[in-house]
Amino acid sequence: MLKLHVLAITALCVLASVGCESSRGGGKPTPPVSGLDQRPVNTTCVAGKRPVAAAGVIQVQPAFPALTFIEPVVMVQAPDSDARWYVAEKAGRIYSFANVDTTATTQTTLFIDLTTKVNPSGEGGLLGVAFHPDYANNGYVFLSFTTNNSSNQFASQISRFTVNTARTA
């Protein structure tokens, strides 16, 4: 009989506490009403018909047809001049060349070669190139690449290089 009273009192306490929580606002709140029930009328903002591209209007053409690169990942220009392009290859080389569409592969200059430092496996390699905004004066170029750290583990690295008088890093 005592066990039945304890069970009944426990059940009442549980029910009372649930009821108290709800009445004090401690239970789950009712989610606020938000959003729109219907689309508002807006006659001043009307989208035109979607343009349809005629066949052959958009074409892809090689920008520098005489150049070839092995797994190029980025193509950038220094902020001080649009006379040259820089192309980074995944393996760790950056080549520069004149901004002339007739430039041939033999007319590229090796800007930097990090193939001994870069680990190009998987999605790694030389991944990014950024020239300092004042590159013309300080010659700073920043490279993002993957390498093996001192524990021979795959690691990301960002390094700053300074170009020499030959304009190679």
N, C-alpha and C. Protein backbone atom coordinates (compact mmCIF):
# COMPACT_ATOMS: atom_id res chain seq x y z
N MET A 1 0.82 -1.19 0.00
CA MET A 1 0.00 0.00 0.00
C MET A 1 0.86 1.25 0.00
N LEU A 2 1.99 1.20 0.75
CA LEU A 2 2.88 2.33 0.81
C LEU A 2 3.49 2.62 -0.57
N LYS A 3 3.84 1.55 -1.28
CA LYS A 3 4.41 1.71 -2.62
C LYS A 3 3.41 2.39 -3.55
N LEU A 4 2.13 2.05 -3.39
CA LEU A 4 1.10 2.65 -4.24
C LEU A 4 0.96 4.14 -3.95
N HIS A 5 1.03 4.53 -2.66
CA HIS A 5 0.96 5.96 -2.31
C HIS A 5 2.16 6.72 -2.88
N VAL A 6 3.34 6.13 -2.77
CA VAL A 6 4.56 6.78 -3.29
C VAL A 6 4.43 6.95 -4.80
N LEU A 7 3.94 5.93 -5.48
CA LEU A 7 3.77 5.98 -6.93
C LEU A 7 2.74 7.04 -7.31
N ALA A 8 1.65 7.13 -6.57
CA ALA A 8 0.60 8.11 -6.85
C ALA A 8 1.12 9.52 -6.60
N ILE A 9 1.85 9.72 -5.53
CA ILE A 9 2.39 11.05 -5.22
C ILE A 9 3.42 11.46 -6.28
N THR A 10 4.26 10.53 -6.69
CA THR A 10 5.25 10.81 -7.75
C THR A 10 4.55 11.21 -9.03
N ALA A 11 3.51 10.50 -9.42
CA ALA A 11 2.76 10.81 -10.64
C ALA A 11 2.14 12.19 -10.54
N LEU A 12 1.57 12.53 -9.40
CA LEU A 12 0.97 13.86 -9.22
C LEU A 12 2.02 14.96 -9.31
N CYS A 13 3.19 14.72 -8.72
CA CYS A 13 4.27 15.72 -8.77
C CYS A 13 4.73 15.94 -10.21
N VAL A 14 4.85 14.86 -10.96
CA VAL A 14 5.27 14.98 -12.37
C VAL A 14 4.22 15.76 -13.14
N LEU A 15 2.96 15.42 -12.97
CA LEU A 15 1.90 16.14 -13.68
C LEU A 15 1.83 17.60 -13.26
N ALA A 16 2.02 17.85 -11.98
CA ALA A 16 1.96 19.22 -11.49
C ALA A 16 3.13 20.03 -12.04
N SER A 17 4.31 19.41 -12.09
CA SER A 17 5.47 20.16 -12.57
C SER A 17 5.34 20.46 -14.06
N VAL A 18 4.77 19.56 -14.82
CA VAL A 18 4.55 19.82 -16.24
C VAL A 18 3.56 20.95 -16.41
N GLY A 19 2.52 20.92 -15.63
CA GLY A 19 1.52 21.98 -15.70
C GLY A 19 2.11 23.31 -15.26
N CYS A 20 2.94 23.28 -14.21
CA CYS A 20 3.54 24.53 -13.73
C CYS A 20 4.49 25.10 -14.76
N GLU A 21 5.29 24.24 -15.40
CA GLU A 21 6.22 24.74 -16.41
C GLU A 21 5.48 25.43 -17.53
N SER A 22 4.37 24.84 -17.96
CA SER A 22 3.62 25.44 -19.06
C SER A 22 3.02 26.76 -18.64
N SER A 23 2.51 26.83 -17.39
CA SER A 23 1.87 28.07 -16.96
C SER A 23 2.89 29.17 -16.72
N ARG A 24 4.14 28.82 -16.39
CA ARG A 24 5.17 29.84 -16.17
C ARG A 24 5.88 30.20 -17.47
N GLY A 25 5.59 29.52 -18.52
CA GLY A 25 6.26 29.80 -19.78
C GLY A 25 7.58 29.05 -19.91
N GLY A 26 7.84 28.09 -19.02
CA GLY A 26 9.11 27.37 -19.06
C GLY A 26 9.11 26.21 -20.03
N GLY A 27 7.96 25.83 -20.54
CA GLY A 27 7.90 24.73 -21.49
C GLY A 27 8.29 25.21 -22.88
N LYS A 28 8.02 24.39 -23.85
CA LYS A 28 8.34 24.78 -25.22
C LYS A 28 7.45 25.93 -25.65
N PRO A 29 8.05 27.02 -26.11
CA PRO A 29 7.23 28.15 -26.54
C PRO A 29 6.57 27.85 -27.88
N THR A 30 5.47 28.52 -28.09
CA THR A 30 4.79 28.42 -29.37
C THR A 30 5.62 29.16 -30.40
N PRO A 31 5.95 28.52 -31.50
CA PRO A 31 6.79 29.20 -32.49
C PRO A 31 6.10 30.45 -33.02
N PRO A 32 6.88 31.50 -33.22
CA PRO A 32 6.27 32.74 -33.73
C PRO A 32 5.78 32.56 -35.16
N VAL A 33 4.77 33.30 -35.48
CA VAL A 33 4.23 33.27 -36.83
C VAL A 33 5.08 34.22 -37.66
N SER A 34 5.60 33.74 -38.77
CA SER A 34 6.42 34.59 -39.62
C SER A 34 6.21 34.19 -41.06
N GLY A 35 6.74 35.00 -41.95
CA GLY A 35 6.59 34.72 -43.36
C GLY A 35 5.34 35.36 -43.92
N LEU A 36 5.08 35.06 -45.14
CA LEU A 36 3.92 35.63 -45.82
C LEU A 36 2.92 34.53 -46.13
N ASP A 37 1.67 34.83 -45.90
CA ASP A 37 0.62 33.88 -46.26
C ASP A 37 0.35 33.93 -47.76
N GLN A 38 0.57 35.08 -48.34
CA GLN A 38 0.38 35.23 -49.79
C GLN A 38 1.36 36.27 -50.30
N ARG A 39 1.62 36.24 -51.56
CA ARG A 39 2.55 37.19 -52.18
C ARG A 39 1.89 38.55 -52.25
N PRO A 40 2.60 39.61 -51.77
CA PRO A 40 2.01 40.95 -51.83
C PRO A 40 1.96 41.46 -53.28
N VAL A 41 1.02 42.30 -53.53
CA VAL A 41 0.89 42.90 -54.86
C VAL A 41 1.98 43.97 -54.99
N ASN A 42 2.77 43.87 -56.03
CA ASN A 42 3.85 44.84 -56.26
C ASN A 42 3.94 45.06 -57.76
N THR A 43 3.24 46.04 -58.23
CA THR A 43 3.20 46.29 -59.68
C THR A 43 4.39 47.11 -60.15
N THR A 44 5.19 47.67 -59.22
CA THR A 44 6.33 48.49 -59.63
C THR A 44 7.59 47.69 -59.88
N CYS A 45 7.64 46.46 -59.42
CA CYS A 45 8.83 45.63 -59.59
C CYS A 45 8.45 44.41 -60.43
N VAL A 46 8.64 44.53 -61.71
CA VAL A 46 8.25 43.46 -62.62
C VAL A 46 9.49 42.99 -63.36
N ALA A 47 9.77 41.72 -63.28
CA ALA A 47 10.90 41.14 -63.99
C ALA A 47 10.52 40.91 -65.45
N GLY A 48 11.43 41.23 -66.31
CA GLY A 48 11.20 41.01 -67.74
C GLY A 48 11.33 39.54 -68.08
N LYS A 49 11.07 39.22 -69.31
CA LYS A 49 11.19 37.84 -69.74
C LYS A 49 12.66 37.44 -69.76
N ARG A 50 12.91 36.18 -69.47
CA ARG A 50 14.27 35.65 -69.46
C ARG A 50 14.83 35.70 -70.88
N PRO A 51 16.04 36.26 -71.05
CA PRO A 51 16.61 36.30 -72.40
C PRO A 51 16.98 34.89 -72.87
N VAL A 52 16.79 34.66 -74.11
CA VAL A 52 17.11 33.37 -74.71
C VAL A 52 18.33 33.57 -75.59
N ALA A 53 19.39 32.84 -75.28
CA ALA A 53 20.62 32.96 -76.08
C ALA A 53 20.43 32.20 -77.39
N ALA A 54 20.69 32.89 -78.46
CA ALA A 54 20.61 32.25 -79.77
C ALA A 54 21.81 31.30 -79.92
N ALA A 55 21.60 30.23 -80.63
CA ALA A 55 22.67 29.26 -80.84
C ALA A 55 23.87 29.94 -81.49
N GLY A 56 25.05 29.71 -80.93
CA GLY A 56 26.27 30.25 -81.51
C GLY A 56 26.61 31.65 -81.07
N VAL A 57 25.81 32.28 -80.22
CA VAL A 57 26.10 33.64 -79.78
C VAL A 57 27.27 33.65 -78.79
N ILE A 58 27.29 32.70 -77.87
CA ILE A 58 28.36 32.61 -76.88
C ILE A 58 29.34 31.54 -77.35
N GLN A 59 30.59 31.95 -77.49
CA GLN A 59 31.62 31.02 -77.92
C GLN A 59 32.81 31.12 -76.98
N VAL A 60 33.49 30.01 -76.78
CA VAL A 60 34.70 29.98 -75.99
C VAL A 60 35.88 29.93 -76.94
N GLN A 61 36.83 30.85 -76.75
CA GLN A 61 38.02 30.88 -77.59
C GLN A 61 39.24 30.95 -76.69
N PRO A 62 40.29 30.24 -77.02
CA PRO A 62 41.51 30.33 -76.22
C PRO A 62 42.07 31.75 -76.24
N ALA A 63 42.44 32.27 -75.08
CA ALA A 63 42.99 33.63 -74.99
C ALA A 63 44.42 33.67 -75.51
N PHE A 64 45.19 32.65 -75.24
CA PHE A 64 46.58 32.56 -75.67
C PHE A 64 46.79 31.20 -76.31
N PRO A 65 46.36 31.03 -77.56
CA PRO A 65 46.34 29.70 -78.19
C PRO A 65 47.71 29.05 -78.36
N ALA A 66 48.78 29.81 -78.35
CA ALA A 66 50.10 29.22 -78.53
C ALA A 66 50.74 28.76 -77.22
N LEU A 67 50.06 28.97 -76.09
CA LEU A 67 50.61 28.60 -74.79
C LEU A 67 49.99 27.32 -74.27
N THR A 68 50.81 26.52 -73.60
CA THR A 68 50.31 25.33 -72.92
C THR A 68 50.94 25.28 -71.53
N PHE A 69 50.16 24.79 -70.58
CA PHE A 69 50.63 24.65 -69.20
C PHE A 69 50.19 23.30 -68.68
N ILE A 70 50.88 22.83 -67.64
CA ILE A 70 50.54 21.56 -67.02
C ILE A 70 49.77 21.85 -65.74
N GLU A 71 48.52 21.49 -65.70
CA GLU A 71 47.62 21.70 -64.57
C GLU A 71 47.68 23.14 -64.03
N PRO A 72 47.33 24.12 -64.86
CA PRO A 72 47.30 25.50 -64.37
C PRO A 72 46.16 25.68 -63.36
N VAL A 73 46.43 26.43 -62.29
CA VAL A 73 45.41 26.63 -61.26
C VAL A 73 44.98 28.08 -61.11
N VAL A 74 45.82 29.02 -61.52
CA VAL A 74 45.46 30.43 -61.39
C VAL A 74 46.23 31.24 -62.42
N MET A 75 45.59 32.32 -62.88
CA MET A 75 46.21 33.24 -63.84
C MET A 75 45.94 34.64 -63.33
N VAL A 76 47.00 35.39 -63.02
CA VAL A 76 46.86 36.72 -62.42
C VAL A 76 47.80 37.71 -63.07
N GLN A 77 47.54 38.99 -62.81
CA GLN A 77 48.44 40.06 -63.22
C GLN A 77 48.87 40.82 -61.98
N ALA A 78 50.06 41.38 -62.04
CA ALA A 78 50.54 42.22 -60.95
C ALA A 78 49.71 43.50 -60.95
N PRO A 79 49.49 44.10 -59.78
CA PRO A 79 48.62 45.29 -59.72
C PRO A 79 49.21 46.53 -60.39
N ASP A 80 50.49 46.53 -60.65
CA ASP A 80 51.12 47.73 -61.21
C ASP A 80 51.13 47.74 -62.73
N SER A 81 50.78 46.61 -63.37
CA SER A 81 50.88 46.57 -64.83
C SER A 81 50.01 45.45 -65.38
N ASP A 82 49.40 45.73 -66.52
CA ASP A 82 48.66 44.67 -67.20
C ASP A 82 49.46 44.16 -68.40
N ALA A 83 50.75 44.44 -68.44
CA ALA A 83 51.61 44.03 -69.56
C ALA A 83 52.00 42.57 -69.50
N ARG A 84 51.90 41.94 -68.31
CA ARG A 84 52.30 40.54 -68.17
C ARG A 84 51.24 39.74 -67.41
N TRP A 85 51.18 38.47 -67.73
CA TRP A 85 50.34 37.52 -67.01
C TRP A 85 51.25 36.56 -66.26
N TYR A 86 50.73 36.00 -65.18
CA TYR A 86 51.43 34.99 -64.38
C TYR A 86 50.50 33.80 -64.25
N VAL A 87 51.01 32.62 -64.61
CA VAL A 87 50.21 31.39 -64.52
C VAL A 87 50.90 30.44 -63.56
N ALA A 88 50.17 30.00 -62.54
CA ALA A 88 50.69 29.04 -61.56
C ALA A 88 50.23 27.65 -61.94
N GLU A 89 51.18 26.72 -61.91
CA GLU A 89 50.87 25.31 -62.14
C GLU A 89 50.82 24.60 -60.79
N LYS A 90 49.99 23.60 -60.70
CA LYS A 90 49.76 22.86 -59.47
C LYS A 90 51.06 22.30 -58.87
N ALA A 91 51.99 21.87 -59.70
CA ALA A 91 53.23 21.26 -59.22
C ALA A 91 54.14 22.25 -58.50
N GLY A 92 53.95 23.57 -58.73
CA GLY A 92 54.75 24.53 -57.99
C GLY A 92 55.52 25.53 -58.83
N ARG A 93 55.27 25.59 -60.12
CA ARG A 93 55.95 26.56 -60.98
C ARG A 93 54.99 27.70 -61.34
N ILE A 94 55.56 28.91 -61.45
CA ILE A 94 54.81 30.05 -61.96
C ILE A 94 55.58 30.60 -63.15
N TYR A 95 54.86 30.75 -64.25
CA TYR A 95 55.44 31.31 -65.47
C TYR A 95 54.83 32.68 -65.72
N SER A 96 55.62 33.57 -66.33
CA SER A 96 55.08 34.87 -66.74
C SER A 96 55.28 35.02 -68.23
N PHE A 97 54.40 35.82 -68.83
CA PHE A 97 54.51 36.05 -70.27
C PHE A 97 53.83 37.36 -70.62
N ALA A 98 54.20 37.90 -71.77
CA ALA A 98 53.65 39.17 -72.23
C ALA A 98 52.17 39.02 -72.53
N ASN A 99 51.43 40.08 -72.28
CA ASN A 99 49.99 40.10 -72.51
C ASN A 99 49.71 40.36 -73.99
N VAL A 100 50.13 39.43 -74.82
CA VAL A 100 49.94 39.51 -76.27
C VAL A 100 49.43 38.15 -76.70
N ASP A 101 48.30 38.12 -77.40
CA ASP A 101 47.68 36.83 -77.71
C ASP A 101 48.50 35.95 -78.65
N THR A 102 49.56 36.48 -79.24
CA THR A 102 50.42 35.66 -80.11
C THR A 102 51.62 35.10 -79.35
N THR A 103 51.69 35.28 -78.03
CA THR A 103 52.80 34.77 -77.23
C THR A 103 52.86 33.25 -77.35
N ALA A 104 54.06 32.73 -77.58
CA ALA A 104 54.27 31.29 -77.71
C ALA A 104 54.85 30.73 -76.40
N THR A 105 54.77 29.41 -76.24
CA THR A 105 55.28 28.77 -75.04
C THR A 105 56.75 29.08 -74.84
N THR A 106 57.50 29.21 -75.89
CA THR A 106 58.93 29.49 -75.77
C THR A 106 59.19 30.91 -75.27
N GLN A 107 58.17 31.74 -75.23
CA GLN A 107 58.33 33.11 -74.77
C GLN A 107 57.88 33.31 -73.32
N THR A 108 57.70 32.23 -72.59
CA THR A 108 57.36 32.35 -71.18
C THR A 108 58.64 32.39 -70.36
N THR A 109 58.56 33.02 -69.19
CA THR A 109 59.69 33.12 -68.28
C THR A 109 59.31 32.42 -66.98
N LEU A 110 60.21 31.58 -66.48
CA LEU A 110 59.96 30.94 -65.20
C LEU A 110 60.11 31.99 -64.11
N PHE A 111 59.02 32.30 -63.44
CA PHE A 111 59.00 33.34 -62.41
C PHE A 111 59.48 32.77 -61.07
N ILE A 112 59.00 31.57 -60.72
CA ILE A 112 59.43 30.89 -59.49
C ILE A 112 59.19 29.40 -59.65
N ASP A 113 60.07 28.61 -59.04
CA ASP A 113 59.94 27.16 -59.07
C ASP A 113 60.02 26.64 -57.64
N LEU A 114 58.88 26.18 -57.14
CA LEU A 114 58.80 25.63 -55.78
C LEU A 114 58.55 24.13 -55.79
N THR A 115 58.87 23.46 -56.89
CA THR A 115 58.53 22.04 -57.00
C THR A 115 59.20 21.19 -55.92
N THR A 116 60.33 21.65 -55.36
CA THR A 116 60.98 20.88 -54.29
C THR A 116 60.29 21.09 -52.95
N LYS A 117 59.45 22.12 -52.82
CA LYS A 117 58.76 22.41 -51.55
C LYS A 117 57.29 22.04 -51.59
N VAL A 118 56.68 22.04 -52.76
CA VAL A 118 55.24 21.83 -52.90
C VAL A 118 54.92 20.34 -52.95
N ASN A 119 53.88 19.95 -52.21
CA ASN A 119 53.34 18.59 -52.30
C ASN A 119 52.05 18.68 -53.10
N PRO A 120 52.09 18.28 -54.38
CA PRO A 120 50.92 18.44 -55.24
C PRO A 120 49.95 17.26 -55.21
N SER A 121 50.08 16.34 -54.26
CA SER A 121 49.22 15.16 -54.26
C SER A 121 47.77 15.53 -53.93
N GLY A 122 46.86 14.74 -54.47
CA GLY A 122 45.44 14.96 -54.21
C GLY A 122 44.98 16.35 -54.62
N GLU A 123 44.35 17.04 -53.69
CA GLU A 123 43.88 18.40 -53.96
C GLU A 123 44.91 19.44 -53.56
N GLY A 124 46.12 19.01 -53.28
CA GLY A 124 47.19 19.92 -52.87
C GLY A 124 47.92 20.50 -54.06
N GLY A 125 48.98 21.24 -53.75
CA GLY A 125 49.81 21.86 -54.77
C GLY A 125 49.94 23.34 -54.54
N LEU A 126 50.43 24.05 -55.53
CA LEU A 126 50.46 25.51 -55.50
C LEU A 126 49.05 25.96 -55.81
N LEU A 127 48.39 26.59 -54.84
CA LEU A 127 46.96 26.85 -54.95
C LEU A 127 46.58 28.31 -55.12
N GLY A 128 47.47 29.23 -54.77
CA GLY A 128 47.09 30.63 -54.85
C GLY A 128 48.28 31.56 -54.99
N VAL A 129 48.05 32.66 -55.69
CA VAL A 129 49.07 33.70 -55.90
C VAL A 129 48.41 35.04 -55.65
N ALA A 130 49.08 35.89 -54.88
CA ALA A 130 48.58 37.25 -54.64
C ALA A 130 49.76 38.20 -54.62
N PHE A 131 49.66 39.25 -55.41
CA PHE A 131 50.68 40.28 -55.41
C PHE A 131 50.32 41.35 -54.39
N HIS A 132 51.32 41.86 -53.69
CA HIS A 132 51.10 42.95 -52.74
C HIS A 132 50.60 44.17 -53.52
N PRO A 133 49.69 44.96 -52.97
CA PRO A 133 49.20 46.14 -53.69
C PRO A 133 50.31 47.11 -54.10
N ASP A 134 51.41 47.14 -53.33
CA ASP A 134 52.54 48.01 -53.65
C ASP A 134 53.68 47.19 -54.27
N TYR A 135 53.33 46.18 -55.03
CA TYR A 135 54.30 45.26 -55.64
C TYR A 135 55.35 46.00 -56.46
N ALA A 136 54.99 47.05 -57.14
CA ALA A 136 55.94 47.79 -57.98
C ALA A 136 57.11 48.30 -57.15
N ASN A 137 56.87 48.62 -55.88
CA ASN A 137 57.94 49.15 -55.03
C ASN A 137 58.59 48.11 -54.12
N ASN A 138 57.79 47.19 -53.57
CA ASN A 138 58.37 46.25 -52.61
C ASN A 138 58.63 44.86 -53.20
N GLY A 139 58.04 44.52 -54.35
CA GLY A 139 58.29 43.23 -54.98
C GLY A 139 57.76 42.03 -54.24
N TYR A 140 56.77 42.22 -53.35
CA TYR A 140 56.25 41.10 -52.57
C TYR A 140 55.18 40.33 -53.36
N VAL A 141 55.33 39.01 -53.33
CA VAL A 141 54.30 38.13 -53.87
C VAL A 141 54.05 37.03 -52.84
N PHE A 142 52.78 36.71 -52.61
CA PHE A 142 52.39 35.73 -51.61
C PHE A 142 51.87 34.48 -52.32
N LEU A 143 52.34 33.33 -51.85
CA LEU A 143 51.93 32.06 -52.46
C LEU A 143 51.33 31.15 -51.39
N SER A 144 50.26 30.49 -51.76
CA SER A 144 49.61 29.51 -50.90
C SER A 144 49.83 28.14 -51.54
N PHE A 145 50.38 27.22 -50.75
CA PHE A 145 50.66 25.89 -51.28
C PHE A 145 50.64 24.86 -50.17
N THR A 146 50.58 23.60 -50.57
CA THR A 146 50.66 22.50 -49.61
C THR A 146 52.07 21.94 -49.66
N THR A 147 52.51 21.48 -48.50
CA THR A 147 53.86 20.96 -48.36
C THR A 147 53.84 19.87 -47.30
N ASN A 148 54.98 19.29 -47.03
CA ASN A 148 55.11 18.36 -45.90
C ASN A 148 55.81 19.11 -44.78
N ASN A 149 55.25 19.08 -43.57
CA ASN A 149 55.86 19.78 -42.44
C ASN A 149 57.02 18.97 -41.87
N SER A 150 57.58 19.43 -40.75
CA SER A 150 58.75 18.76 -40.16
C SER A 150 58.44 17.33 -39.73
N SER A 151 57.18 17.01 -39.49
CA SER A 151 56.78 15.63 -39.13
C SER A 151 56.39 14.84 -40.37
N ASN A 152 56.69 15.39 -41.54
CA ASN A 152 56.36 14.77 -42.83
C ASN A 152 54.85 14.58 -43.01
N GLN A 153 54.07 15.52 -42.45
CA GLN A 153 52.62 15.49 -42.61
C GLN A 153 52.21 16.57 -43.60
N PHE A 154 51.15 16.29 -44.33
CA PHE A 154 50.60 17.22 -45.32
C PHE A 154 50.16 18.49 -44.60
N ALA A 155 50.60 19.66 -45.06
CA ALA A 155 50.27 20.91 -44.38
C ALA A 155 50.12 22.04 -45.40
N SER A 156 49.29 23.04 -45.05
CA SER A 156 49.13 24.23 -45.88
C SER A 156 50.12 25.28 -45.42
N GLN A 157 50.61 26.06 -46.37
CA GLN A 157 51.58 27.10 -46.04
C GLN A 157 51.33 28.33 -46.91
N ILE A 158 51.49 29.50 -46.31
CA ILE A 158 51.45 30.75 -47.06
C ILE A 158 52.79 31.42 -46.84
N SER A 159 53.47 31.75 -47.92
CA SER A 159 54.80 32.35 -47.84
C SER A 159 54.87 33.62 -48.65
N ARG A 160 55.72 34.55 -48.20
CA ARG A 160 55.95 35.78 -48.94
C ARG A 160 57.32 35.68 -49.60
N PHE A 161 57.38 36.05 -50.87
CA PHE A 161 58.63 36.06 -51.62
C PHE A 161 58.85 37.47 -52.12
N THR A 162 60.10 37.82 -52.35
CA THR A 162 60.46 39.13 -52.89
C THR A 162 61.16 38.91 -54.22
N VAL A 163 60.72 39.61 -55.25
CA VAL A 163 61.34 39.45 -56.57
C VAL A 163 62.71 40.11 -56.58
N ASN A 164 63.59 39.61 -57.44
CA ASN A 164 64.91 40.20 -57.58
C ASN A 164 64.91 41.17 -58.76
N THR A 165 66.04 41.68 -59.11
CA THR A 165 66.12 42.66 -60.19
C THR A 165 65.73 42.07 -61.54
N ALA A 166 65.86 40.75 -61.69
CA ALA A 166 65.45 40.09 -62.92
C ALA A 166 63.94 39.87 -62.96
N ARG A 167 63.24 40.33 -61.91
CA ARG A 167 61.79 40.19 -61.76
C ARG A 167 61.36 38.73 -61.69
N THR A 168 62.19 37.91 -61.03
CA THR A 168 61.80 36.53 -60.70
C THR A 168 61.87 36.43 -59.19
N ALA A 169 61.09 35.55 -58.63
CA ALA A 169 61.04 35.44 -57.16
C ALA A 169 62.09 34.45 -56.68
